Amino acid sequence: MVKYIHAADIHLDSPFKGLKNIPEALFDRIKASTFNSFKNLIDAALYHQVDFVLLAGDIYDLEDRSIRAQVFLRKELERLNEADIDVFIIHGNHDYLTNDELHLSLPENVFVFGPKVETELIETRRHEKVAISGFSYDRNWVKERKITEYPSRDHTSDFHIGILHGFMEGHNTAHARYAPFTLNELREKDYDYWALGHIHKKQQLSKEPLIYYSGNTQGRHKNETGEKGCLLIELKTTGESVTFIPTADIKWQSIALDLTLFKSMAEIFDEIKKSLPNKKYSDTLIDLNLKISKNTPETIVERLQDPVFLDNLQVIEDTSFTYIVSSKITHENNEDLISSLVNAYPMAFRKALKAIDEEDEFKKITHDFFSKYAYAKYVEKDQENIKETSLDLAKQILMQDLGEEISHEN
């Protein structure tokens, strides 16, 4: 039996862009979450006495890798070195390989794959022979089919594992389409396990062989809700097991409330309060979505939009917090406006959405705007979230500007 942990998309030292007006102490706690989640991962590896750990890309959030993040990573990996646990790392689009002179050295138990696909052969404490194949990004845009460079199964080894940071073609995701592959291409290699990174949601793509995205270890914005963690894998000649291990230091939760039947501020306040997590040590960031009636008094709408209203719902204690980081109000008659747009302009609306969702088209449209500002360098690194947010806002603007007119026409 060989036992190991598969993790990906750590994003150490993520800046958590977009969080506004949060108390400084709480924001520091949030920024520390990627570090704390990785520490939880190392704790799990030590507790389960695994043979090795696989990190499938985007260990750092940026390619320049802060000294703080490097020192922390080296210290945590040294804990595994002291326990005689090997670590195999590939770098992804966020933390692609750059000048070595800017980077701190890692402990001797760590093997970092280079820009060309290579295979590392190891022998575990129980004398199983394991082949591990992978590569690291040497730039943030890798669009070649690197999967074609992976070798077929090494039949001299008891187990063969592939580690890859990339995108499965046909997969419905907002993530960028780097290092594309198909499910059949993975299966054709005849490996026992594929450790995938890049998609921030845990999911199983295949049972035979086992192919998994482990998801990220810590949610970083409102679209990454729920439990985040790593996978504990046990491969045997007679079978295998996969166990999810939660590592997230804080959780993101989206709460949608229908307030259309409530007529007073007191009722609305109590309903929102009741919906919030009440467990101690919950450490939860909330994205709140409130649906109100078209007959809701304007005075109540104004109160719901007042930051002071949210302040009275926040819970920040010494040992835990539940904090509403974003709040959105929608009217019940807005629900069908997108459908109305589609009905009013079926061909044009669908064509526009499809075009703008294409990666190259989105970059082309936004290039002039972003290239003029200091934060342009960060656009490519967070393009999935930027694109998703931009499309969502565009739909809202359409609803506001055209909704009433279209509603009258239909």
Protein backbone atom coordinates (compact mmCIF):
# COMPACT_ATOMS: atom_id res chain seq x y z
CA MET A 1 0.00 0.00 0.00
CA VAL A 2 1.12 3.57 -0.76
CA LYS A 3 -0.44 6.46 1.15
CA TYR A 4 -0.12 10.14 0.23
CA ILE A 5 -1.83 13.51 0.25
CA HIS A 6 -2.89 15.33 -2.90
CA ALA A 7 -3.38 19.10 -2.58
CA ALA A 8 -3.35 22.05 -4.98
CA ASP A 9 -4.00 25.77 -5.32
CA ILE A 10 -2.66 26.83 -1.92
CA HIS A 11 -2.22 30.48 -3.03
CA LEU A 12 0.00 31.44 -0.11
CA ASP A 13 -0.13 35.14 0.73
CA SER A 14 -3.23 35.80 -1.34
CA PRO A 15 -4.07 39.52 -1.07
CA PHE A 16 -7.83 38.86 -0.84
CA LYS A 17 -8.62 41.70 -3.21
CA GLY A 18 -12.11 43.20 -3.18
CA LEU A 19 -12.77 43.07 0.56
CA LYS A 20 -13.75 46.56 1.67
CA ASN A 21 -14.28 48.32 4.98
CA ILE A 22 -13.29 45.33 7.08
CA PRO A 23 -11.78 45.94 10.52
CA GLU A 24 -8.00 45.72 10.32
CA ALA A 25 -7.69 42.91 12.88
CA LEU A 26 -10.22 40.80 11.00
CA PHE A 27 -8.58 41.50 7.64
CA ASP A 28 -5.22 40.36 9.06
CA ARG A 29 -6.96 37.18 10.23
CA ILE A 30 -8.37 36.62 6.74
CA LYS A 31 -5.00 37.21 5.05
CA ALA A 32 -3.42 34.63 7.38
CA SER A 33 -5.95 31.98 6.32
CA THR A 34 -3.95 30.61 3.35
CA PHE A 35 -0.99 30.07 5.68
CA ASN A 36 -3.11 28.44 8.38
CA SER A 37 -4.83 26.13 5.90
CA PHE A 38 -1.44 24.94 4.62
CA LYS A 39 -0.31 24.31 8.18
CA ASN A 40 -3.44 22.18 8.62
CA LEU A 41 -2.44 20.23 5.51
CA ILE A 42 1.03 19.53 6.93
CA ASP A 43 -0.52 18.51 10.26
CA ALA A 44 -2.71 16.00 8.39
CA ALA A 45 0.27 14.54 6.53
CA LEU A 46 2.14 14.02 9.80
CA TYR A 47 -0.89 12.60 11.59
CA HIS A 48 -1.62 10.05 8.87
CA GLN A 49 2.09 9.23 8.40
CA VAL A 50 1.86 9.43 4.63
CA ASP A 51 4.65 8.34 2.31
CA PHE A 52 4.70 11.62 0.42
CA VAL A 53 2.76 14.79 -0.42
CA LEU A 54 1.81 15.99 -3.93
CA LEU A 55 1.28 19.73 -4.49
CA ALA A 56 -0.33 20.22 -7.89
CA GLY A 57 0.46 23.85 -8.66
CA ASP A 58 -0.23 27.42 -7.50
CA ILE A 59 1.46 27.01 -4.14
CA TYR A 60 2.13 30.75 -4.20
CA ASP A 61 -0.39 33.36 -5.29
CA LEU A 62 2.10 35.39 -7.35
CA GLU A 63 5.22 34.51 -9.30
CA ASP A 64 7.36 36.98 -7.32
CA ARG A 65 6.67 35.00 -4.11
CA SER A 66 6.93 37.13 -1.02
CA ILE A 67 9.76 36.38 1.38
CA ARG A 68 7.14 35.80 4.05
CA ALA A 69 5.51 33.06 1.97
CA GLN A 70 8.84 31.46 1.07
CA VAL A 71 10.08 31.35 4.65
CA PHE A 72 6.77 29.90 5.79
CA LEU A 73 6.74 27.22 3.08
CA ARG A 74 10.30 26.15 3.82
CA LYS A 75 9.55 25.91 7.55
CA GLU A 76 6.45 23.77 7.01
CA LEU A 77 8.13 21.48 4.49
CA GLU A 78 11.01 21.04 6.95
CA ARG A 79 8.49 19.53 9.36
CA LEU A 80 7.84 16.85 6.74
CA ASN A 81 11.57 16.43 6.15
CA GLU A 82 12.07 15.67 9.83
CA ALA A 83 9.40 12.98 9.55
CA ASP A 84 11.03 11.51 6.42
CA ILE A 85 8.07 12.45 4.20
CA ASP A 86 8.88 13.44 0.61
CA VAL A 87 7.19 16.30 -1.22
CA PHE A 88 6.64 16.61 -4.97
CA ILE A 89 5.80 20.06 -6.33
CA ILE A 90 4.72 21.39 -9.69
CA HIS A 91 4.24 25.11 -10.30
CA GLY A 92 1.16 26.45 -12.07
CA ASN A 93 0.05 29.62 -13.81
CA HIS A 94 0.11 31.76 -10.65
CA ASP A 95 3.54 30.70 -9.36
CA TYR A 96 5.32 29.72 -12.57
CA LEU A 97 9.08 29.16 -12.54
CA THR A 98 11.16 32.35 -12.54
CA ASN A 99 14.70 33.40 -11.62
CA ASP A 100 16.12 31.01 -9.03
CA GLU A 101 18.30 33.70 -7.47
CA LEU A 102 15.16 35.33 -6.07
CA HIS A 103 13.99 32.17 -4.33
CA LEU A 104 14.92 30.52 -1.06
CA SER A 105 16.11 26.93 -1.20
CA LEU A 106 13.79 24.17 -0.06
CA PRO A 107 14.54 21.18 2.21
CA GLU A 108 16.17 18.10 0.73
CA ASN A 109 12.94 16.09 0.88
CA VAL A 110 11.37 18.35 -1.79
CA PHE A 111 11.45 17.60 -5.51
CA VAL A 112 10.33 20.39 -7.85
CA PHE A 113 9.46 19.38 -11.41
CA GLY A 114 10.99 21.42 -14.21
CA PRO A 115 9.32 22.90 -17.34
CA LYS A 116 9.63 19.64 -19.26
CA VAL A 117 7.63 16.57 -18.30
CA GLU A 118 9.81 14.27 -16.22
CA THR A 119 9.33 11.17 -14.10
CA GLU A 120 10.70 10.68 -10.61
CA LEU A 121 11.11 7.11 -9.32
CA ILE A 122 10.95 6.50 -5.57
CA GLU A 123 10.71 3.60 -3.14
CA THR A 124 8.54 3.89 -0.04
CA ARG A 125 9.24 2.62 3.48
CA ARG A 126 7.26 -0.50 2.61
CA HIS A 127 9.44 -0.95 -0.49
CA GLU A 128 6.76 -0.14 -3.05
CA LYS A 129 8.13 1.39 -6.22
CA VAL A 130 6.29 4.53 -7.33
CA ALA A 131 6.70 6.58 -10.52
CA ILE A 132 5.51 10.21 -10.43
CA SER A 133 5.30 12.22 -13.66
CA GLY A 134 4.74 15.96 -13.96
CA PHE A 135 5.95 19.39 -15.11
CA SER A 136 5.96 23.00 -13.89
CA TYR A 137 4.79 26.06 -15.81
CA ASP A 138 7.65 28.29 -16.97
CA ARG A 139 5.22 31.11 -17.84
CA ASN A 140 1.71 32.01 -16.83
CA TRP A 141 0.16 31.06 -20.17
CA VAL A 142 0.74 27.41 -21.05
CA LYS A 143 -1.70 26.46 -23.79
CA GLU A 144 0.17 23.52 -25.31
CA ARG A 145 -1.17 20.01 -24.85
CA LYS A 146 1.49 19.01 -22.34
CA ILE A 147 -0.40 15.79 -21.72
CA THR A 148 1.08 14.41 -24.95
CA GLU A 149 4.54 14.60 -23.37
CA TYR A 150 3.64 12.39 -20.41
CA PRO A 151 5.07 8.88 -20.76
CA SER A 152 2.98 5.75 -20.70
CA ARG A 153 2.90 3.72 -17.52
CA ASP A 154 6.23 2.60 -16.09
CA HIS A 155 5.69 -1.15 -15.74
CA THR A 156 8.74 -1.53 -13.51
CA SER A 157 6.89 0.40 -10.79
CA ASP A 158 4.10 -0.83 -8.55
CA PHE A 159 2.19 2.43 -9.00
CA HIS A 160 2.34 5.30 -11.46
CA ILE A 161 0.93 8.73 -10.58
CA GLY A 162 0.50 11.79 -12.80
CA ILE A 163 0.46 15.31 -11.44
CA LEU A 164 -0.90 18.04 -13.71
CA HIS A 165 -2.10 21.63 -13.39
CA GLY A 166 -4.54 22.13 -16.21
CA PHE A 167 -7.99 22.25 -17.73
CA MET A 168 -10.10 19.33 -18.94
CA GLU A 169 -11.69 20.12 -22.29
CA GLY A 170 -15.47 20.10 -22.21
CA HIS A 171 -15.43 20.97 -18.52
CA ASN A 172 -17.87 23.76 -17.66
CA THR A 173 -15.71 26.18 -15.68
CA ALA A 174 -14.78 29.86 -15.55
CA HIS A 175 -11.12 28.97 -15.01
CA ALA A 176 -8.66 29.69 -17.79
CA ARG A 177 -8.00 26.92 -20.28
CA TYR A 178 -4.36 26.13 -19.54
CA ALA A 179 -2.51 22.91 -20.44
CA PRO A 180 -5.69 21.34 -21.86
CA PHE A 181 -6.37 17.62 -21.84
CA THR A 182 -9.20 15.16 -22.32
CA LEU A 183 -10.29 12.40 -20.00
CA ASN A 184 -9.33 9.79 -22.59
CA GLU A 185 -5.83 11.23 -22.85
CA LEU A 186 -5.37 10.75 -19.11
CA ARG A 187 -6.75 7.22 -19.23
CA GLU A 188 -4.54 6.24 -22.13
CA LYS A 189 -1.45 6.73 -19.94
CA ASP A 190 -2.63 3.79 -17.78
CA TYR A 191 -1.67 5.51 -14.50
CA ASP A 192 -3.14 4.56 -11.14
CA TYR A 193 -3.94 8.12 -10.11
CA TRP A 194 -4.03 11.63 -11.57
CA ALA A 195 -3.48 14.49 -9.10
CA LEU A 196 -4.94 17.57 -10.77
CA GLY A 197 -4.76 21.25 -9.91
CA HIS A 198 -6.13 24.55 -11.27
CA ILE A 199 -9.86 24.05 -10.63
CA HIS A 200 -10.75 25.31 -7.16
CA LYS A 201 -13.54 22.83 -6.53
CA LYS A 202 -13.00 19.25 -5.38
CA GLN A 203 -14.31 16.82 -7.95
CA GLN A 204 -13.80 13.29 -9.18
CA LEU A 205 -13.44 12.98 -12.94
CA SER A 206 -12.97 9.23 -13.09
CA LYS A 207 -13.12 6.16 -10.87
CA GLU A 208 -11.02 3.89 -13.11
CA PRO A 209 -8.39 5.17 -12.93
CA LEU A 210 -8.83 7.61 -10.05
CA ILE A 211 -8.68 11.17 -11.40
CA TYR A 212 -9.30 14.05 -9.00
CA TYR A 213 -9.15 17.79 -8.69
CA SER A 214 -8.48 18.26 -4.98
CA GLY A 215 -9.80 21.83 -5.08
CA ASN A 216 -8.09 24.63 -3.20
CA THR A 217 -7.20 24.44 0.48
CA GLN A 218 -8.74 27.81 1.39
CA GLY A 219 -11.59 29.71 -0.22
CA ARG A 220 -10.54 33.22 -1.23
CA HIS A 221 -13.76 34.91 -2.37
CA LYS A 222 -17.53 34.55 -2.33
CA ASN A 223 -17.57 32.12 -5.26
CA GLU A 224 -15.46 29.60 -3.31
CA THR A 225 -17.94 28.58 -0.63
CA GLY A 226 -18.04 25.55 1.64
CA GLU A 227 -15.40 23.15 2.84
CA LYS A 228 -11.97 23.32 1.24
CA GLY A 229 -9.12 20.89 1.80
CA CYS A 230 -6.96 18.09 0.47
CA LEU A 231 -7.29 14.39 -0.38
CA LEU A 232 -5.77 11.45 1.48
CA ILE A 233 -5.14 8.66 -1.03
CA GLU A 234 -4.40 5.01 -0.32
CA LEU A 235 -3.49 2.84 -3.30
CA LYS A 236 -3.39 -0.94 -2.94
CA THR A 237 -3.09 -3.77 -5.39
CA THR A 238 -6.56 -4.83 -4.25
CA GLY A 239 -8.22 -1.41 -4.37
CA GLU A 240 -7.97 2.18 -3.25
CA SER A 241 -9.57 4.77 -0.98
CA VAL A 242 -9.94 8.55 -1.18
CA THR A 243 -10.70 10.61 1.93
CA PHE A 244 -11.37 14.34 1.97
CA ILE A 245 -9.58 16.24 4.76
CA PRO A 246 -10.85 19.79 5.49
CA THR A 247 -8.09 22.37 5.90
CA ALA A 248 -9.82 25.76 5.47
CA ASP A 249 -9.12 28.23 8.24
CA ILE A 250 -12.17 30.32 7.36
CA LYS A 251 -15.25 29.51 5.29
CA TRP A 252 -17.23 31.48 2.76
CA GLN A 253 -20.99 31.07 2.73
CA SER A 254 -23.60 32.46 0.38
CA ILE A 255 -27.01 33.14 1.95
CA ALA A 256 -30.05 33.98 -0.20
CA LEU A 257 -33.19 35.18 1.58
CA ASP A 258 -36.67 35.79 0.21
CA LEU A 259 -37.97 38.80 2.12
CA THR A 260 -40.89 39.60 -0.19
CA LEU A 261 -43.52 38.68 2.44
CA PHE A 262 -42.01 40.75 5.25
CA LYS A 263 -43.45 44.20 5.78
CA SER A 264 -41.46 45.62 8.68
CA MET A 265 -37.81 46.31 9.45
CA ALA A 266 -38.07 44.26 12.64
CA GLU A 267 -39.23 41.16 10.76
CA ILE A 268 -36.50 41.52 8.16
CA PHE A 269 -33.78 42.05 10.75
CA ASP A 270 -34.88 38.96 12.70
CA GLU A 271 -35.03 36.84 9.54
CA ILE A 272 -31.50 37.81 8.49
CA LYS A 273 -30.19 37.28 12.03
CA LYS A 274 -31.76 33.82 12.15
CA SER A 275 -30.10 32.83 8.87
CA LEU A 276 -26.56 33.58 10.02
CA PRO A 277 -24.36 30.79 11.45
CA ASN A 278 -24.66 30.68 15.22
CA LYS A 279 -22.03 28.09 15.98
CA LYS A 280 -19.04 29.14 18.01
CA TYR A 281 -15.73 29.12 16.18
CA SER A 282 -17.53 29.28 12.84
CA ASP A 283 -15.11 31.87 11.32
CA THR A 284 -17.39 32.51 8.36
CA LEU A 285 -17.51 35.25 5.72
CA ILE A 286 -21.01 35.83 4.35
CA ASP A 287 -22.21 36.90 0.91
CA LEU A 288 -25.79 38.04 1.54
CA ASN A 289 -28.41 38.20 -1.19
CA LEU A 290 -31.77 39.73 -0.27
CA LYS A 291 -34.84 39.52 -2.48
CA ILE A 292 -37.47 42.13 -1.70
CA SER A 293 -40.92 42.89 -3.05
CA LYS A 294 -41.62 45.69 -5.50
CA ASN A 295 -43.94 46.94 -2.78
CA THR A 296 -41.26 47.07 -0.10
CA PRO A 297 -41.22 50.65 1.24
CA GLU A 298 -38.34 52.76 0.00
CA THR A 299 -37.47 53.64 3.60
CA ILE A 300 -36.78 49.96 4.30
CA VAL A 301 -34.74 49.61 1.11
CA GLU A 302 -32.62 52.57 2.16
CA ARG A 303 -32.11 51.06 5.60
CA LEU A 304 -31.02 47.73 4.11
CA GLN A 305 -28.42 49.59 2.04
CA ASP A 306 -27.10 51.53 5.04
CA PRO A 307 -23.70 50.14 6.22
CA VAL A 308 -24.83 50.75 9.82
CA PHE A 309 -27.56 48.14 9.32
CA LEU A 310 -24.95 45.48 8.48
CA ASP A 311 -22.73 46.61 11.34
CA ASN A 312 -25.43 45.53 13.77
CA LEU A 313 -25.42 42.01 12.30
CA GLN A 314 -21.67 41.46 12.47
CA VAL A 315 -20.21 39.14 15.11
CA ILE A 316 -16.52 39.52 15.95
CA GLU A 317 -15.31 37.78 19.10
CA ASP A 318 -11.91 36.84 20.43
CA THR A 319 -12.23 33.23 19.27
CA SER A 320 -14.56 33.44 16.26
CA PHE A 321 -16.37 35.69 13.81
CA THR A 322 -19.31 35.75 11.42
CA TYR A 323 -18.95 38.70 9.09
CA ILE A 324 -21.04 39.89 6.16
CA VAL A 325 -18.54 41.03 3.53
CA SER A 326 -21.03 41.73 0.74
CA SER A 327 -24.74 42.36 0.46
CA LYS A 328 -26.92 42.61 -2.63
CA ILE A 329 -30.58 43.54 -2.95
CA THR A 330 -32.75 42.37 -5.83
CA HIS A 331 -36.41 42.96 -6.57
CA GLU A 332 -38.71 40.02 -7.21
CA ASN A 333 -39.65 41.38 -10.63
CA ASN A 334 -35.97 41.28 -11.68
CA GLU A 335 -35.90 37.49 -11.54
CA ASP A 336 -37.18 36.98 -15.07
CA LEU A 337 -35.49 39.93 -16.73
CA ILE A 338 -32.59 37.93 -18.14
CA SER A 339 -35.14 35.47 -19.54
CA SER A 340 -37.01 38.44 -20.93
CA LEU A 341 -33.85 39.72 -22.58
CA VAL A 342 -33.34 36.31 -24.16
CA ASN A 343 -36.94 36.24 -25.36
CA ALA A 344 -36.75 39.78 -26.72
CA TYR A 345 -33.40 39.39 -28.46
CA PRO A 346 -32.74 35.63 -28.55
CA MET A 347 -30.00 35.44 -31.18
CA ALA A 348 -28.15 38.62 -30.23
CA PHE A 349 -28.20 38.02 -26.48
CA ARG A 350 -26.97 34.42 -26.66
CA LYS A 351 -24.33 35.34 -29.23
CA ALA A 352 -23.08 38.21 -27.06
CA LEU A 353 -22.85 36.07 -23.93
CA LYS A 354 -21.06 33.29 -25.76
CA ALA A 355 -18.57 35.69 -27.35
CA ILE A 356 -17.70 37.58 -24.19
CA ASP A 357 -17.26 34.32 -22.28
CA GLU A 358 -14.45 33.33 -24.62
CA GLU A 359 -11.10 33.98 -22.97
CA ASP A 360 -9.44 35.72 -25.95
CA GLU A 361 -12.45 37.93 -26.63
CA PHE A 362 -12.67 39.06 -23.01
CA LYS A 363 -8.96 39.94 -23.00
CA LYS A 364 -9.35 41.86 -26.25
CA ILE A 365 -12.27 43.93 -24.97
CA THR A 366 -10.66 44.75 -21.63
CA HIS A 367 -7.05 45.20 -22.81
CA ASP A 368 -7.13 48.96 -23.40
CA PHE A 369 -8.77 49.67 -20.07
CA PHE A 370 -6.56 47.55 -17.86
CA SER A 371 -3.30 48.36 -19.62
CA LYS A 372 -3.57 51.99 -18.51
CA TYR A 373 -3.51 51.29 -14.79
CA ALA A 374 -0.95 50.14 -12.26
CA TYR A 375 -2.91 47.02 -11.39
CA ALA A 376 -2.80 45.71 -14.96
CA LYS A 377 -0.18 43.08 -14.02
CA TYR A 378 -2.69 41.38 -11.74
CA VAL A 379 -5.42 40.99 -14.33
CA GLU A 380 -4.10 37.81 -15.90
CA LYS A 381 -3.52 36.23 -12.49
CA ASP A 382 -7.13 36.70 -11.39
CA GLN A 383 -8.86 36.66 -14.73
CA GLU A 384 -11.40 33.98 -13.83
CA ASN A 385 -12.84 35.97 -10.95
CA ILE A 386 -12.60 39.28 -12.83
CA LYS A 387 -14.43 37.87 -15.83
CA GLU A 388 -17.15 36.23 -13.75
CA THR A 389 -17.70 39.39 -11.71
CA SER A 390 -17.71 41.58 -14.83
CA LEU A 391 -20.32 39.43 -16.56
CA ASP A 392 -22.49 39.41 -13.45
CA LEU A 393 -22.32 43.21 -13.18
CA ALA A 394 -23.03 43.58 -16.89
CA LYS A 395 -26.20 41.53 -16.50
CA GLN A 396 -27.26 43.69 -13.56
CA ILE A 397 -26.73 46.85 -15.60
CA LEU A 398 -28.79 45.37 -18.42
CA MET A 399 -31.57 44.58 -15.98
CA GLN A 400 -31.50 48.09 -14.54
CA ASP A 401 -31.29 49.92 -17.88
CA LEU A 402 -33.47 47.72 -20.05
CA GLY A 403 -35.55 45.70 -17.64
CA GLU A 404 -38.46 48.06 -17.25
CA GLU A 405 -38.68 48.70 -20.97
CA ILE A 406 -38.53 44.99 -21.83
CA SER A 407 -41.07 44.15 -19.12
CA HIS A 408 -43.54 46.59 -20.73
CA GLU A 409 -42.88 45.11 -24.19
CA ASN A 410 -43.59 41.60 -22.97
